[in-house]
N, C-alpha and C. Protein backbone atom coordinates (compact mmCIF):
# COMPACT_ATOMS: atom_id res chain seq x y z
N LEU A 1 81.49 100.64 88.47
CA LEU A 1 82.42 100.32 87.35
C LEU A 1 81.66 100.13 86.13
N GLU A 2 82.14 100.72 84.96
CA GLU A 2 81.50 100.53 83.79
C GLU A 2 82.49 100.00 82.73
N ASP A 3 81.92 99.39 81.60
CA ASP A 3 82.73 98.89 80.57
C ASP A 3 83.75 97.85 80.95
N VAL A 4 83.31 96.97 81.86
CA VAL A 4 84.15 95.92 82.42
C VAL A 4 84.36 94.82 81.38
N GLU A 5 85.60 94.35 81.28
CA GLU A 5 85.91 93.29 80.33
C GLU A 5 85.75 92.01 81.08
N PRO A 6 85.80 90.76 80.42
CA PRO A 6 85.78 89.55 81.15
C PRO A 6 87.06 89.39 82.08
N PRO A 7 86.86 88.54 83.09
CA PRO A 7 88.01 88.42 83.99
C PRO A 7 89.24 87.93 83.25
N PRO A 8 90.41 88.19 83.87
CA PRO A 8 91.67 87.75 83.20
C PRO A 8 91.83 86.25 83.12
N THR A 9 92.53 85.83 82.13
CA THR A 9 92.78 84.37 82.04
C THR A 9 94.11 84.06 82.83
N ALA A 10 94.37 82.83 83.13
CA ALA A 10 95.64 82.50 83.79
C ALA A 10 96.79 82.83 82.90
N ARG A 11 96.65 82.69 81.64
CA ARG A 11 97.68 83.00 80.60
C ARG A 11 97.99 84.48 80.62
N GLU A 12 96.97 85.30 80.66
CA GLU A 12 97.22 86.73 80.69
C GLU A 12 97.95 87.16 82.01
N LEU A 13 97.53 86.60 83.16
CA LEU A 13 98.15 87.00 84.41
C LEU A 13 99.63 86.51 84.38
N ALA A 14 99.87 85.31 83.86
CA ALA A 14 101.28 84.78 83.79
C ALA A 14 102.10 85.70 82.90
N ALA A 15 101.63 86.07 81.80
CA ALA A 15 102.36 86.93 80.89
C ALA A 15 102.75 88.28 81.55
N ILE A 16 101.79 88.80 82.23
CA ILE A 16 102.01 90.19 82.90
C ILE A 16 103.02 89.95 83.98
N GLU A 17 102.88 88.90 84.86
CA GLU A 17 103.90 88.65 85.92
C GLU A 17 105.31 88.40 85.33
N GLU A 18 105.31 87.68 84.22
CA GLU A 18 106.65 87.36 83.61
C GLU A 18 107.33 88.67 83.12
N ARG A 19 106.53 89.54 82.45
CA ARG A 19 107.12 90.79 81.93
C ARG A 19 107.46 91.75 83.04
N LEU A 20 106.66 91.71 84.12
CA LEU A 20 106.80 92.64 85.28
C LEU A 20 108.01 92.18 86.19
N ARG A 21 108.23 90.87 86.20
CA ARG A 21 109.23 90.11 86.98
C ARG A 21 108.89 90.26 88.46
N ALA A 22 107.49 90.14 88.71
CA ALA A 22 106.93 90.16 90.07
C ALA A 22 105.59 89.43 90.08
N THR A 23 105.19 88.98 91.25
CA THR A 23 103.89 88.43 91.37
C THR A 23 102.91 89.50 91.71
N LEU A 24 101.78 89.39 91.06
CA LEU A 24 100.69 90.40 91.35
C LEU A 24 100.01 90.08 92.69
N PRO A 25 99.77 91.20 93.50
CA PRO A 25 99.16 90.98 94.84
C PRO A 25 97.73 90.34 94.62
N ALA A 26 97.31 89.54 95.63
CA ALA A 26 96.04 88.80 95.60
C ALA A 26 94.88 89.79 95.49
N SER A 27 95.03 90.93 96.19
CA SER A 27 93.92 91.96 96.17
C SER A 27 93.79 92.56 94.81
N TYR A 28 94.84 92.74 94.03
CA TYR A 28 94.71 93.25 92.69
C TYR A 28 94.14 92.21 91.80
N CYS A 29 94.56 90.97 91.88
CA CYS A 29 93.99 89.86 91.10
C CYS A 29 92.46 89.71 91.35
N ALA A 30 92.09 89.89 92.58
CA ALA A 30 90.66 89.76 92.92
C ALA A 30 89.87 90.87 92.30
N PHE A 31 90.49 92.11 92.32
CA PHE A 31 89.88 93.27 91.65
C PHE A 31 89.64 92.98 90.14
N LEU A 32 90.74 92.46 89.55
CA LEU A 32 90.61 92.24 88.10
C LEU A 32 89.52 91.26 87.81
N GLU A 33 89.17 90.35 88.66
CA GLU A 33 88.03 89.44 88.45
C GLU A 33 86.67 90.24 88.16
N GLN A 34 86.54 91.34 88.82
CA GLN A 34 85.38 92.20 88.74
C GLN A 34 85.49 93.46 87.95
N GLY A 35 86.69 93.95 87.83
CA GLY A 35 86.91 95.28 87.21
C GLY A 35 88.00 95.34 86.18
N ASN A 36 88.29 94.28 85.44
CA ASN A 36 89.29 94.26 84.44
C ASN A 36 89.01 95.29 83.32
N GLY A 37 89.84 96.26 83.18
CA GLY A 37 89.66 97.26 82.22
C GLY A 37 88.59 98.24 82.42
N ALA A 38 87.96 98.30 83.60
CA ALA A 38 86.91 99.04 83.86
C ALA A 38 87.15 100.57 83.87
N SER A 39 86.07 101.35 83.63
CA SER A 39 86.17 102.80 83.85
C SER A 39 85.25 103.07 85.02
N LEU A 40 85.45 104.19 85.73
CA LEU A 40 84.62 104.58 86.84
C LEU A 40 83.56 105.40 86.35
N ALA A 41 82.45 105.25 86.92
CA ALA A 41 81.26 106.09 86.58
C ALA A 41 81.38 107.50 87.06
N PHE A 42 82.10 107.71 88.11
CA PHE A 42 82.24 108.97 88.75
C PHE A 42 83.69 109.27 89.06
N TYR A 43 84.03 110.49 89.26
CA TYR A 43 85.33 110.97 89.63
C TYR A 43 85.50 110.50 91.08
N VAL A 44 86.71 110.05 91.41
CA VAL A 44 87.08 109.71 92.81
C VAL A 44 88.46 110.38 93.12
N CYS A 45 88.76 110.43 94.32
CA CYS A 45 90.05 110.97 94.76
C CYS A 45 90.41 110.26 96.13
N PRO A 46 91.68 110.17 96.42
CA PRO A 46 92.06 109.63 97.72
C PRO A 46 91.59 110.56 98.80
N SER A 47 91.31 110.04 100.04
CA SER A 47 90.85 110.86 100.98
C SER A 47 91.90 111.86 101.51
N ARG A 48 93.21 111.39 101.34
CA ARG A 48 94.29 112.26 101.69
C ARG A 48 95.52 111.75 100.99
N SER A 49 96.62 112.59 100.79
CA SER A 49 97.82 112.21 100.26
C SER A 49 98.99 112.65 101.16
N PRO A 50 100.08 112.07 101.14
CA PRO A 50 101.11 112.31 102.13
C PRO A 50 101.67 113.82 102.16
N ASP A 51 101.57 114.57 100.97
CA ASP A 51 102.00 115.83 100.99
C ASP A 51 100.87 116.90 101.43
N GLY A 52 99.78 116.40 102.00
CA GLY A 52 98.83 117.26 102.52
C GLY A 52 97.79 117.68 101.47
N THR A 53 98.06 117.51 100.21
CA THR A 53 97.10 117.84 99.25
C THR A 53 96.15 116.74 98.98
N SER A 54 95.16 116.93 98.17
CA SER A 54 94.22 115.89 97.81
C SER A 54 94.02 115.84 96.33
N PRO A 55 95.11 115.53 95.46
CA PRO A 55 95.03 115.63 94.07
C PRO A 55 93.96 114.60 93.55
N ARG A 56 93.32 114.94 92.50
CA ARG A 56 92.34 114.04 91.86
C ARG A 56 93.15 113.08 91.08
N VAL A 57 93.32 111.82 91.66
CA VAL A 57 94.19 110.82 91.07
C VAL A 57 93.30 109.58 90.84
N GLY A 58 92.09 109.67 91.01
CA GLY A 58 91.18 108.45 90.75
C GLY A 58 91.28 108.10 89.31
N PRO A 59 91.28 106.77 89.06
CA PRO A 59 91.48 106.28 87.69
C PRO A 59 90.31 106.64 86.80
N ALA A 60 90.50 107.14 85.61
CA ALA A 60 89.46 107.19 84.57
C ALA A 60 89.19 105.83 84.06
N ARG A 61 90.31 104.99 83.90
CA ARG A 61 90.11 103.73 83.34
C ARG A 61 91.29 102.83 83.87
N PHE A 62 90.87 101.66 84.53
CA PHE A 62 91.90 100.72 84.75
C PHE A 62 92.35 100.00 83.56
N HIS A 63 93.65 99.66 83.48
CA HIS A 63 94.18 98.97 82.28
C HIS A 63 93.68 97.50 82.35
N SER A 64 93.56 96.99 81.09
CA SER A 64 93.07 95.61 80.93
C SER A 64 94.17 94.58 80.78
N THR A 65 93.83 93.36 81.17
CA THR A 65 94.86 92.33 81.13
C THR A 65 94.97 91.71 79.68
N ARG A 66 94.18 92.11 78.76
CA ARG A 66 94.23 91.57 77.43
C ARG A 66 95.57 91.59 76.81
N LEU A 67 95.96 90.42 76.24
CA LEU A 67 97.31 90.30 75.74
C LEU A 67 97.48 90.99 74.38
N TYR A 68 96.49 91.03 73.59
CA TYR A 68 96.61 91.61 72.28
C TYR A 68 95.86 92.88 72.21
N GLY A 69 96.52 93.95 72.32
CA GLY A 69 95.85 95.21 72.22
C GLY A 69 96.83 96.34 72.41
N GLY A 70 96.42 97.49 72.29
CA GLY A 70 97.35 98.62 72.39
C GLY A 70 97.03 99.41 73.68
N TRP A 71 96.76 100.72 73.43
CA TRP A 71 96.53 101.60 74.51
C TRP A 71 95.47 100.99 75.52
N GLY A 72 95.76 101.10 76.82
CA GLY A 72 94.86 100.67 77.86
C GLY A 72 95.10 99.23 78.21
N THR A 73 95.99 98.53 77.74
CA THR A 73 96.22 97.14 78.09
C THR A 73 97.51 97.17 78.95
N LEU A 74 97.57 96.42 80.03
CA LEU A 74 98.69 96.40 80.95
C LEU A 74 100.08 96.16 80.33
N LEU A 75 100.16 95.27 79.43
CA LEU A 75 101.47 95.07 78.79
C LEU A 75 101.91 96.19 77.91
N PHE A 76 101.00 96.77 77.13
CA PHE A 76 101.34 97.94 76.36
C PHE A 76 101.67 99.08 77.17
N GLU A 77 100.84 99.36 78.23
CA GLU A 77 101.17 100.54 79.07
C GLU A 77 102.47 100.35 79.88
N LEU A 78 102.74 99.08 80.23
CA LEU A 78 104.08 98.80 80.95
C LEU A 78 105.17 99.10 80.01
N GLU A 79 105.11 98.65 78.76
CA GLU A 79 106.23 98.91 77.75
C GLU A 79 106.33 100.39 77.58
N GLN A 80 105.29 101.13 77.35
CA GLN A 80 105.38 102.53 77.18
C GLN A 80 105.98 103.25 78.34
N ALA A 81 105.59 102.86 79.54
CA ALA A 81 106.12 103.58 80.73
C ALA A 81 107.61 103.17 80.91
N ARG A 82 108.01 102.02 80.50
CA ARG A 82 109.39 101.61 80.74
C ARG A 82 110.31 102.31 79.68
N THR A 83 109.86 102.43 78.49
CA THR A 83 110.74 102.96 77.32
C THR A 83 110.62 104.41 77.01
N ASN A 84 109.34 104.89 77.03
CA ASN A 84 109.15 106.22 76.51
C ASN A 84 108.89 107.31 77.53
N VAL A 85 108.10 107.00 78.49
CA VAL A 85 107.56 108.11 79.36
C VAL A 85 108.20 108.10 80.64
N PHE A 86 108.26 107.14 81.43
CA PHE A 86 108.78 107.25 82.82
C PHE A 86 110.12 106.57 83.01
N GLN A 87 110.61 105.80 82.10
CA GLN A 87 111.85 104.98 82.34
C GLN A 87 111.72 104.13 83.54
N LEU A 88 110.57 103.48 83.71
CA LEU A 88 110.36 102.73 84.93
C LEU A 88 111.29 101.50 85.14
N PRO A 89 111.67 101.26 86.27
CA PRO A 89 112.47 100.10 86.56
C PRO A 89 111.52 98.81 86.62
N PRO A 90 112.07 97.59 86.68
CA PRO A 90 111.28 96.46 86.80
C PRO A 90 110.43 96.52 88.01
N ARG A 91 109.32 95.81 88.02
CA ARG A 91 108.36 95.63 89.23
C ARG A 91 107.51 96.80 89.55
N ILE A 92 107.31 97.75 88.59
CA ILE A 92 106.41 98.80 88.77
C ILE A 92 105.42 98.80 87.65
N LEU A 93 104.20 98.61 87.90
CA LEU A 93 103.22 98.37 86.88
C LEU A 93 102.18 99.49 86.85
N PRO A 94 102.02 100.14 85.64
CA PRO A 94 100.99 101.18 85.52
C PRO A 94 99.57 100.41 85.45
N ILE A 95 98.79 100.74 86.40
CA ILE A 95 97.47 100.00 86.47
C ILE A 95 96.29 100.78 86.03
N ALA A 96 96.41 102.14 85.93
CA ALA A 96 95.22 102.96 85.55
C ALA A 96 95.79 104.36 85.00
N GLU A 97 94.98 104.87 84.16
CA GLU A 97 95.27 106.26 83.72
C GLU A 97 94.24 107.15 84.46
N GLY A 98 94.84 108.05 85.31
CA GLY A 98 94.01 108.80 86.13
C GLY A 98 93.59 110.18 85.36
N TRP A 99 92.76 110.92 86.06
CA TRP A 99 92.21 112.15 85.43
C TRP A 99 93.32 113.07 85.28
N SER A 100 94.29 113.11 86.28
CA SER A 100 95.34 114.01 86.18
C SER A 100 96.76 113.29 86.56
N ALA A 101 96.65 112.09 86.86
CA ALA A 101 97.88 111.35 87.25
C ALA A 101 97.72 109.91 86.98
N PRO A 102 98.69 109.24 86.30
CA PRO A 102 98.69 107.85 86.10
C PRO A 102 98.93 107.19 87.50
N VAL A 103 98.32 105.98 87.61
CA VAL A 103 98.35 105.17 88.85
C VAL A 103 99.22 103.95 88.64
N PHE A 104 100.14 103.74 89.58
CA PHE A 104 101.13 102.64 89.49
C PHE A 104 101.03 101.71 90.75
N LEU A 105 101.30 100.46 90.55
CA LEU A 105 101.41 99.51 91.64
C LEU A 105 102.98 99.22 91.78
N ASP A 106 103.56 99.53 92.87
CA ASP A 106 105.02 99.39 93.08
C ASP A 106 105.26 98.07 93.81
N LEU A 107 105.76 97.13 93.05
CA LEU A 107 106.11 95.80 93.65
C LEU A 107 107.58 95.62 93.81
N THR A 108 108.30 96.68 93.92
CA THR A 108 109.77 96.56 94.24
C THR A 108 109.81 96.16 95.69
N PRO A 109 111.03 95.62 96.12
CA PRO A 109 111.20 95.24 97.60
C PRO A 109 110.86 96.49 98.44
N GLU A 110 111.40 97.67 98.05
CA GLU A 110 111.15 98.87 98.78
C GLU A 110 109.69 99.30 98.80
N GLY A 111 109.00 99.22 97.66
CA GLY A 111 107.63 99.56 97.54
C GLY A 111 106.63 98.66 98.19
N ALA A 112 106.92 97.39 98.25
CA ALA A 112 106.11 96.45 98.97
C ALA A 112 104.61 96.45 98.67
N GLY A 113 104.29 96.77 97.37
CA GLY A 113 102.88 96.72 96.99
C GLY A 113 102.11 98.02 97.08
N ARG A 114 102.88 99.07 97.41
CA ARG A 114 102.18 100.40 97.55
C ARG A 114 101.64 100.90 96.21
N VAL A 115 100.71 101.92 96.29
CA VAL A 115 100.18 102.53 95.10
C VAL A 115 100.71 103.87 95.03
N VAL A 116 101.27 104.28 93.96
CA VAL A 116 101.78 105.67 93.79
C VAL A 116 101.23 106.21 92.48
N VAL A 117 101.31 107.57 92.47
CA VAL A 117 100.82 108.27 91.16
C VAL A 117 101.90 109.20 90.83
N PHE A 118 101.88 109.55 89.47
CA PHE A 118 102.79 110.54 89.02
C PHE A 118 101.91 111.79 88.75
N ARG A 119 102.04 112.82 89.62
CA ARG A 119 101.27 114.03 89.48
C ARG A 119 102.00 114.88 88.47
N ARG A 120 101.39 115.18 87.35
CA ARG A 120 102.00 116.06 86.35
C ARG A 120 101.90 117.58 86.79
N GLY A 121 103.02 118.31 86.70
CA GLY A 121 102.97 119.68 87.11
C GLY A 121 102.08 120.44 86.11
N LEU A 122 101.41 121.44 86.57
CA LEU A 122 100.45 122.28 85.75
C LEU A 122 100.92 123.75 85.66
N PRO A 123 100.48 124.45 84.72
CA PRO A 123 100.85 125.81 84.61
C PRO A 123 100.46 126.60 85.87
N GLY A 124 101.27 127.68 86.25
CA GLY A 124 100.99 128.39 87.43
C GLY A 124 99.63 129.06 87.52
N TRP A 125 99.08 129.34 86.36
CA TRP A 125 97.75 130.13 86.40
C TRP A 125 96.60 129.11 86.94
N THR A 126 96.86 127.80 86.94
CA THR A 126 95.81 126.97 87.48
C THR A 126 95.69 127.04 88.93
N GLY A 127 96.66 127.46 89.63
CA GLY A 127 96.61 127.52 91.08
C GLY A 127 96.96 126.15 91.69
N LEU A 128 97.23 125.19 90.81
CA LEU A 128 97.59 123.78 91.30
C LEU A 128 99.09 123.64 91.22
N PRO A 129 99.62 122.53 91.87
CA PRO A 129 101.11 122.43 91.96
C PRO A 129 101.70 122.45 90.51
N THR A 130 102.80 123.12 90.37
CA THR A 130 103.49 123.29 89.15
C THR A 130 104.67 122.29 88.95
N ASP A 131 105.02 121.68 90.03
CA ASP A 131 106.11 120.66 89.87
C ASP A 131 105.46 119.24 89.68
N SER A 132 106.14 118.48 88.81
CA SER A 132 105.73 117.05 88.69
C SER A 132 106.27 116.30 89.90
N ALA A 133 105.64 115.24 90.38
CA ALA A 133 106.18 114.50 91.52
C ALA A 133 105.47 113.19 91.62
N TRP A 134 106.26 112.23 92.16
CA TRP A 134 105.74 110.91 92.45
C TRP A 134 105.11 111.09 93.89
N LEU A 135 103.89 110.55 94.06
CA LEU A 135 103.22 110.67 95.40
C LEU A 135 102.79 109.23 95.82
N ASP A 136 103.04 108.88 97.04
CA ASP A 136 102.56 107.72 97.62
C ASP A 136 101.04 107.98 97.95
N VAL A 137 100.26 107.07 97.57
CA VAL A 137 98.78 107.24 97.76
C VAL A 137 98.31 106.22 98.74
N ALA A 138 98.79 104.99 98.72
CA ALA A 138 98.41 103.98 99.76
C ALA A 138 99.35 102.94 99.81
N PRO A 139 99.43 102.22 101.01
CA PRO A 139 100.41 101.21 101.20
C PRO A 139 100.16 99.89 100.47
N SER A 140 98.91 99.75 99.86
CA SER A 140 98.55 98.48 99.15
C SER A 140 97.45 98.80 98.21
N PHE A 141 97.18 97.92 97.27
CA PHE A 141 96.08 98.06 96.36
C PHE A 141 94.76 98.16 97.12
N GLU A 142 94.61 97.21 98.00
CA GLU A 142 93.34 97.14 98.85
C GLU A 142 93.20 98.46 99.56
N ALA A 143 94.20 98.99 100.22
CA ALA A 143 94.12 100.28 100.90
C ALA A 143 93.73 101.38 99.92
N TYR A 144 94.27 101.38 98.70
CA TYR A 144 94.01 102.28 97.73
C TYR A 144 92.43 102.30 97.41
N LEU A 145 91.87 101.12 97.17
CA LEU A 145 90.49 101.02 96.84
C LEU A 145 89.64 101.56 98.05
N ASN A 146 90.01 101.21 99.25
CA ASN A 146 89.34 101.69 100.41
C ASN A 146 89.40 103.22 100.64
N ALA A 147 90.44 103.80 100.08
CA ALA A 147 90.63 105.22 100.31
C ALA A 147 89.84 106.11 99.26
N LEU A 148 89.36 105.46 98.24
CA LEU A 148 88.67 106.23 97.24
C LEU A 148 87.27 106.69 97.67
N GLU A 149 86.99 107.81 97.32
CA GLU A 149 85.67 108.38 97.77
C GLU A 149 85.09 109.25 96.54
N LEU A 150 83.79 109.51 96.55
CA LEU A 150 83.22 110.40 95.58
C LEU A 150 83.75 111.73 95.75
N ASP A 151 84.05 112.35 94.61
CA ASP A 151 84.40 113.72 94.54
C ASP A 151 83.19 114.50 94.28
N ARG A 152 82.53 115.00 95.29
CA ARG A 152 81.30 115.66 95.20
C ARG A 152 81.25 116.94 94.39
N GLU A 153 82.31 117.66 94.43
CA GLU A 153 82.36 118.83 93.55
C GLU A 153 82.35 118.49 92.09
N GLU A 154 83.20 117.47 91.67
CA GLU A 154 83.09 117.03 90.28
C GLU A 154 81.81 116.46 89.90
N LEU A 155 81.23 115.58 90.85
CA LEU A 155 79.94 115.03 90.58
C LEU A 155 78.85 116.12 90.42
N ALA A 156 78.84 117.20 91.25
CA ALA A 156 77.89 118.23 91.03
C ALA A 156 78.09 118.92 89.66
N HIS A 157 79.31 119.12 89.28
CA HIS A 157 79.63 119.66 87.97
C HIS A 157 79.01 118.79 86.77
N GLU A 158 79.31 117.44 86.90
CA GLU A 158 78.71 116.54 85.96
C GLU A 158 77.22 116.55 85.79
N VAL A 159 76.56 116.56 87.00
CA VAL A 159 75.12 116.55 86.98
C VAL A 159 74.64 117.95 86.40
N ALA A 160 75.27 119.03 86.71
CA ALA A 160 74.83 120.33 86.28
C ALA A 160 75.00 120.52 84.71
N ASN A 161 75.93 119.79 84.22
CA ASN A 161 76.24 119.90 82.79
C ASN A 161 75.67 118.75 81.94
N SER A 162 74.81 117.89 82.52
CA SER A 162 74.26 116.74 81.76
C SER A 162 72.95 117.22 81.09
N PRO A 163 72.57 116.48 80.04
CA PRO A 163 71.29 116.74 79.48
C PRO A 163 70.18 116.64 80.50
N THR A 164 69.06 117.40 80.36
CA THR A 164 67.91 117.42 81.23
C THR A 164 66.73 116.57 80.73
N THR A 165 66.94 115.65 79.83
CA THR A 165 65.86 114.82 79.31
C THR A 165 65.40 113.95 80.60
N SER A 166 64.22 113.49 80.54
CA SER A 166 63.77 112.70 81.69
C SER A 166 64.50 111.35 81.85
N ALA A 167 65.05 110.87 80.76
CA ALA A 167 65.89 109.62 80.80
C ALA A 167 67.17 109.85 81.49
N HIS A 168 67.81 110.99 81.26
CA HIS A 168 69.06 111.41 81.84
C HIS A 168 68.86 111.69 83.33
N VAL A 169 67.83 112.41 83.68
CA VAL A 169 67.49 112.62 84.97
C VAL A 169 67.29 111.35 85.82
N ALA A 170 66.51 110.48 85.22
CA ALA A 170 66.25 109.18 85.94
C ALA A 170 67.52 108.43 86.13
N ALA A 171 68.41 108.45 85.07
CA ALA A 171 69.68 107.68 85.24
C ALA A 171 70.59 108.28 86.31
N TRP A 172 70.67 109.70 86.43
CA TRP A 172 71.41 110.27 87.45
C TRP A 172 70.80 109.94 88.86
N GLU A 173 69.48 109.99 89.02
CA GLU A 173 68.84 109.67 90.24
C GLU A 173 69.22 108.23 90.72
N THR A 174 69.23 107.32 89.83
CA THR A 174 69.56 105.93 90.07
C THR A 174 70.99 105.85 90.56
N HIS A 175 71.96 106.48 89.86
CA HIS A 175 73.41 106.54 90.14
C HIS A 175 73.59 107.19 91.57
N LEU A 176 72.92 108.23 91.80
CA LEU A 176 73.11 108.98 93.03
C LEU A 176 72.51 108.23 94.22
N ASP A 177 71.46 107.55 93.99
CA ASP A 177 70.80 106.70 95.08
C ASP A 177 71.79 105.55 95.49
N LEU A 178 72.55 105.09 94.52
CA LEU A 178 73.51 104.07 94.86
C LEU A 178 74.79 104.57 95.41
N LEU A 179 75.33 105.56 94.91
CA LEU A 179 76.60 106.13 95.26
C LEU A 179 76.69 107.18 96.32
N ALA A 180 75.63 108.01 96.39
CA ALA A 180 75.60 109.02 97.33
C ALA A 180 74.12 109.09 97.91
N PRO A 181 73.75 108.23 98.73
CA PRO A 181 72.38 108.08 99.18
C PRO A 181 71.90 109.42 99.91
N ASP A 182 72.81 110.18 100.40
CA ASP A 182 72.33 111.41 101.15
C ASP A 182 72.40 112.59 100.22
N TRP A 183 72.25 112.39 98.90
CA TRP A 183 72.27 113.50 98.01
C TRP A 183 71.06 114.37 98.09
């Protein structure tokens, strides 16, 4: 995780829960202690999705708990998703902006804490799904985190397109030693 903000305050969590009209899961709150507003150093994807595809839905950046801010804060993103973009009902929280799909925590009685994404349909020439769809990704936030894995194809692309200065090469070696020891 990179660009991590300080852990959330009790006031921030209370404001989010009040606006959401639901209690945040303990696993999500524990994550916020270490990864509030964090971006991921590498692309990730769920190991599998219910429709048999493996869309790249790993978050580019988790939303922050900060109360006063715009884009990228939980309350701002929640308001945008409710009014402008998705017409979300209460108890569904946008938690991250993914590379190709926003990530949501579904705290409705039916959702029971599952993680879902909204996969945007893409043009047919991409060879990727053309229909937009809601996809269940994991039954809980903890299961979502456990399902994430390195996307080695994207990682190889990043490495191949990085500067080749000795400092960049050394930084990549350090990252790869930590995240993909078998590289």
